[in-house]
């Protein structure tokens, strides 16, 4: 395994408070890259495919890590994981980040190809620990 610094994270999250706390935790971890945020799975798909408003790859580069909420408007995080893993163009690690997840949905997300699952927490120190782990998972690549 080779460790490479992450340059871009795509956060798929529709709750502005969660976006704020995720960014704050990244800042606490001294993350130096970019975070691009979309509110739903359809926007994420357009982002990855470089369609519509996301066609400028200088401004919207492909991410090295995707962090996706489970409960999204339109399509769920699990549905997005399934789409992403069926499309061979994208091999980026994808982490499900959720506040609540029944065991069957957790298993479904992992079976669909999610790299890992992290629970949202209001405790900032625990959130920072989780974000550090996400960054480690996202920075590992196979040669």
Protein backbone atom coordinates (compact mmCIF):
# COMPACT_ATOMS: atom_id res chain seq x y z
CA UNK A 1 0.00 0.00 0.00
CA UNK A 2 1.14 3.47 -0.85
CA UNK A 3 -0.09 6.52 1.07
CA UNK A 4 -0.81 9.61 -0.99
CA UNK A 5 -2.11 12.93 0.33
CA UNK A 6 -5.74 13.54 -0.56
CA UNK A 7 -6.36 16.52 -2.78
CA UNK A 8 -10.13 16.36 -3.26
CA UNK A 9 -12.99 14.94 -1.20
CA UNK A 10 -16.51 14.80 -2.57
CA UNK A 11 -19.02 15.12 0.28
CA UNK A 12 -22.58 14.07 -0.57
CA UNK A 13 -24.63 15.64 2.19
CA UNK A 14 -27.91 17.57 2.26
CA UNK A 15 -27.72 18.84 5.86
CA UNK A 16 -25.82 22.14 6.11
CA UNK A 17 -25.01 21.53 9.80
CA UNK A 18 -23.34 18.23 8.95
CA UNK A 19 -21.40 19.89 6.14
CA UNK A 20 -20.22 22.56 8.58
CA UNK A 21 -19.09 20.05 11.22
CA UNK A 22 -17.38 17.84 8.62
CA UNK A 23 -15.43 20.82 7.28
CA UNK A 24 -14.57 21.89 10.82
CA UNK A 25 -13.26 18.40 11.63
CA UNK A 26 -11.18 18.41 8.43
CA UNK A 27 -9.71 21.75 9.44
CA UNK A 28 -8.89 20.33 12.87
CA UNK A 29 -7.04 17.49 11.09
CA UNK A 30 -5.11 20.08 9.05
CA UNK A 31 -6.55 18.77 5.79
CA UNK A 32 -4.99 20.82 2.98
CA UNK A 33 -7.15 19.68 0.07
CA UNK A 34 -10.47 20.72 -1.39
CA UNK A 35 -13.93 19.61 -0.30
CA UNK A 36 -16.60 19.72 -2.96
CA UNK A 37 -20.15 19.35 -1.62
CA UNK A 38 -23.26 18.18 -3.43
CA UNK A 39 -26.68 17.68 -1.84
CA UNK A 40 -27.84 14.45 -3.47
CA UNK A 41 -26.83 11.36 -5.40
CA UNK A 42 -27.89 12.79 -8.77
CA UNK A 43 -25.62 15.81 -8.34
CA UNK A 44 -22.81 13.47 -7.27
CA UNK A 45 -23.29 11.41 -10.40
CA UNK A 46 -23.21 14.54 -12.57
CA UNK A 47 -20.09 15.71 -10.70
CA UNK A 48 -18.25 12.42 -11.31
CA UNK A 49 -19.29 12.30 -14.96
CA UNK A 50 -18.38 15.97 -15.50
CA UNK A 51 -21.85 16.92 -16.69
CA UNK A 52 -23.68 20.24 -16.57
CA UNK A 53 -22.34 22.69 -14.01
CA UNK A 54 -19.55 20.20 -13.13
CA UNK A 55 -17.91 20.02 -16.57
CA UNK A 56 -14.98 22.28 -15.59
CA UNK A 57 -12.48 19.67 -14.32
CA UNK A 58 -10.08 22.37 -13.14
CA UNK A 59 -12.72 23.59 -10.69
CA UNK A 60 -14.42 20.20 -10.14
CA UNK A 61 -11.58 17.66 -10.21
CA UNK A 62 -12.25 13.98 -9.64
CA UNK A 63 -12.08 13.14 -5.94
CA UNK A 64 -9.76 10.67 -4.25
CA UNK A 65 -12.40 10.03 -1.57
CA UNK A 66 -16.19 10.17 -1.49
CA UNK A 67 -18.06 10.58 1.79
CA UNK A 68 -21.78 9.97 1.38
CA UNK A 69 -24.72 10.37 3.73
CA UNK A 70 -27.07 7.40 3.74
CA UNK A 71 -30.32 9.37 3.82
CA UNK A 72 -30.43 11.62 0.78
CA UNK A 73 -33.29 13.17 -1.18
CA UNK A 74 -34.12 11.31 -4.39
CA UNK A 75 -31.82 8.30 -4.14
CA UNK A 76 -30.29 6.75 -1.03
CA UNK A 77 -26.61 6.45 -0.28
CA UNK A 78 -26.87 2.69 -0.89
CA UNK A 79 -28.33 3.30 -4.36
CA UNK A 80 -25.44 5.67 -5.08
CA UNK A 81 -22.88 3.08 -3.92
CA UNK A 82 -24.46 0.50 -6.25
CA UNK A 83 -24.32 2.91 -9.21
CA UNK A 84 -20.72 3.90 -8.45
CA UNK A 85 -19.46 0.33 -8.16
CA UNK A 86 -21.24 -0.76 -11.35
CA UNK A 87 -19.47 2.01 -13.28
CA UNK A 88 -15.90 0.77 -13.78
CA UNK A 89 -14.60 4.29 -14.49
CA UNK A 90 -14.68 5.12 -10.79
CA UNK A 91 -12.58 3.17 -8.30
CA UNK A 92 -12.48 5.84 -5.61
CA UNK A 93 -13.01 4.78 -1.97
CA UNK A 94 -16.52 5.58 -0.78
CA UNK A 95 -17.41 5.95 2.87
CA UNK A 96 -20.98 6.00 4.14
CA UNK A 97 -21.34 8.64 6.87
CA UNK A 98 -24.67 8.46 8.64
CA UNK A 99 -26.47 9.32 11.84
CA UNK A 100 -28.65 6.25 11.86
CA UNK A 101 -28.44 3.00 10.04
CA UNK A 102 -30.37 -0.21 10.63
CA UNK A 103 -28.13 -3.28 10.53
CA UNK A 104 -29.66 -4.50 7.24
CA UNK A 105 -28.83 -1.18 5.52
CA UNK A 106 -25.30 -1.30 6.91
CA UNK A 107 -24.82 -4.76 5.45
CA UNK A 108 -26.40 -3.69 2.16
CA UNK A 109 -24.07 -0.67 1.87
CA UNK A 110 -20.97 -2.78 2.52
CA UNK A 111 -22.16 -5.54 0.18
CA UNK A 112 -22.77 -2.92 -2.54
CA UNK A 113 -19.15 -1.81 -2.28
CA UNK A 114 -18.87 0.90 0.37
CA UNK A 115 -15.32 0.97 1.70
CA UNK A 116 -16.46 1.62 5.26
CA UNK A 117 -19.23 3.08 7.38
CA UNK A 118 -18.86 5.82 9.98
CA UNK A 119 -21.53 7.12 12.32
CA UNK A 120 -22.14 10.84 12.72
CA UNK A 121 -21.67 12.09 16.24
CA UNK A 122 -22.30 15.40 18.01
CA UNK A 123 -19.09 14.87 20.03
CA UNK A 124 -16.45 16.87 18.19
CA UNK A 125 -13.47 14.84 19.44
CA UNK A 126 -15.09 11.60 18.23
CA UNK A 127 -16.02 13.26 14.94
CA UNK A 128 -12.38 14.31 14.46
CA UNK A 129 -11.20 10.77 15.20
CA UNK A 130 -13.63 9.43 12.59
CA UNK A 131 -12.54 12.00 10.00
CA UNK A 132 -8.88 11.08 10.62
CA UNK A 133 -9.75 7.45 9.92
CA UNK A 134 -11.63 8.46 6.76
CA UNK A 135 -8.58 10.37 5.55
CA UNK A 136 -6.37 7.35 6.19
CA UNK A 137 -8.73 5.09 4.24
CA UNK A 138 -8.90 7.56 1.38
CA UNK A 139 -5.16 8.05 1.14
CA UNK A 140 -4.30 4.36 0.80
CA UNK A 141 -3.92 3.18 -2.75
CA UNK A 142 -2.79 -0.14 -4.17
CA UNK A 143 0.12 -0.20 -6.58
